Structure formats: structure tokens, C-alpha cells
Amino acid sequence: MTHLPRPRSAPGEPSSASDPSGTSGTAGTVVVTTVASDSHTWNLVFLQLLLEERGYRVINLGPCVPDSLLLSECLRHDPALVVVSSVNGHGHVDGLRLARTLRGHPDLATVPVVIGGKLGVSASAAERGRQAAALLEAGFDAVFDDGQEDDLRRYLDSARPAPALTGARSGAPGAP
């Protein structure tokens, strides 16, 4: 079977513009991004496809997104969810700053924001747990460890996602 590349939207434009069926976006808008220091894109393409399969309209901001651009795009598109992905191992450091930036704006204070991927360089489960706790404290609603796509799927597929996440902020969907 031949797989043709999907038409790509310009950064900041909804992916549903390339959906001839008109069905994208029935579940709401999701902004997908990396942290400012992360130049990887394959993770963003994977997340975009996963979200579109579930009926979301996706605004894929691409790699190396400055905090200020994410903030302005979130204000522009009023997303139902923000998904931050990191592959470079700096997601924890950049994510702490990013969460504070988003939570510091009154219009975004209650928008669900999740982060996942390779958030640090430590192989220690205890250190990853400390990083997840710090990210939750900073304002993320859920933190997904590298390779935990099933936890993200459960989060997306459930009205009250199961607490089988690496971590969930108290009072957030999925929190006990």
C-alpha cells in the first residue's frame, strides 16, 4: 500500500483545513507543541494523528516553540487541551517555566495542559517521579512518562481519565 504524505497546515493553522470530510474538530481544539529547546517533529506528527483520529481539531505549532508564541496561540484558539511533548530530555526544565507562563494568564488558568515524553535525562524512576511532581505543582494537569501512549489515550478517551498517569494534579481530570 502506498502512503501519501498528508497535506500540512501552516504553523498555527488548524489541521482540519486539510480535512475534506469536514469531520475534524468535533471533539474540540487541541494545541500541540514542543518546548522551546526541542527541535524534534516526529512526536508532534504522531500526536496530531492520534488526536485527529479522536475527532480533535489540532493546531500543531511545530518545534522550538517560544513560550510567548504558545501563550499567544492559546489565547487565539481557545483550546480544550494543550499537549506539550519533549524528546530532547529538557522537558522538565522548560516545562516548569512553560506551565507557570500559561497558568499565569487568567484566560488560560483552567485550560487542561499535559506534558509527556523524555522529560529528563535521568534513568532513575525516583528522579522521574520527582520531576513529574514538580511539573504537576507548576500547573500541568497530567504528566506522561516516555513511551506511555496508552495513558494518554485513556486520558483522552475518558470524561474522567483514570489516575493511571505518571501524575495528575489534585482536582484535575484523572486525579484521585
Foldseek 3Di string as FASTA:
>chain_A
DDDDDQDDDDQLDWPCVSVPVSQAAPVWEEEEEEFQVAQDDPVLVVVVVVVRVVRRTYRYRHYNDYLVNVQVSCVVRVTLEYEYEHAPACQLVRLLVSLLSQCVDPSRVPRAYEYEANNHDDPDPVVVLVSQVSSLVSHHQAYAYHPPVVQVVQQVVDPQRDLPGSHGHPPHRNHD
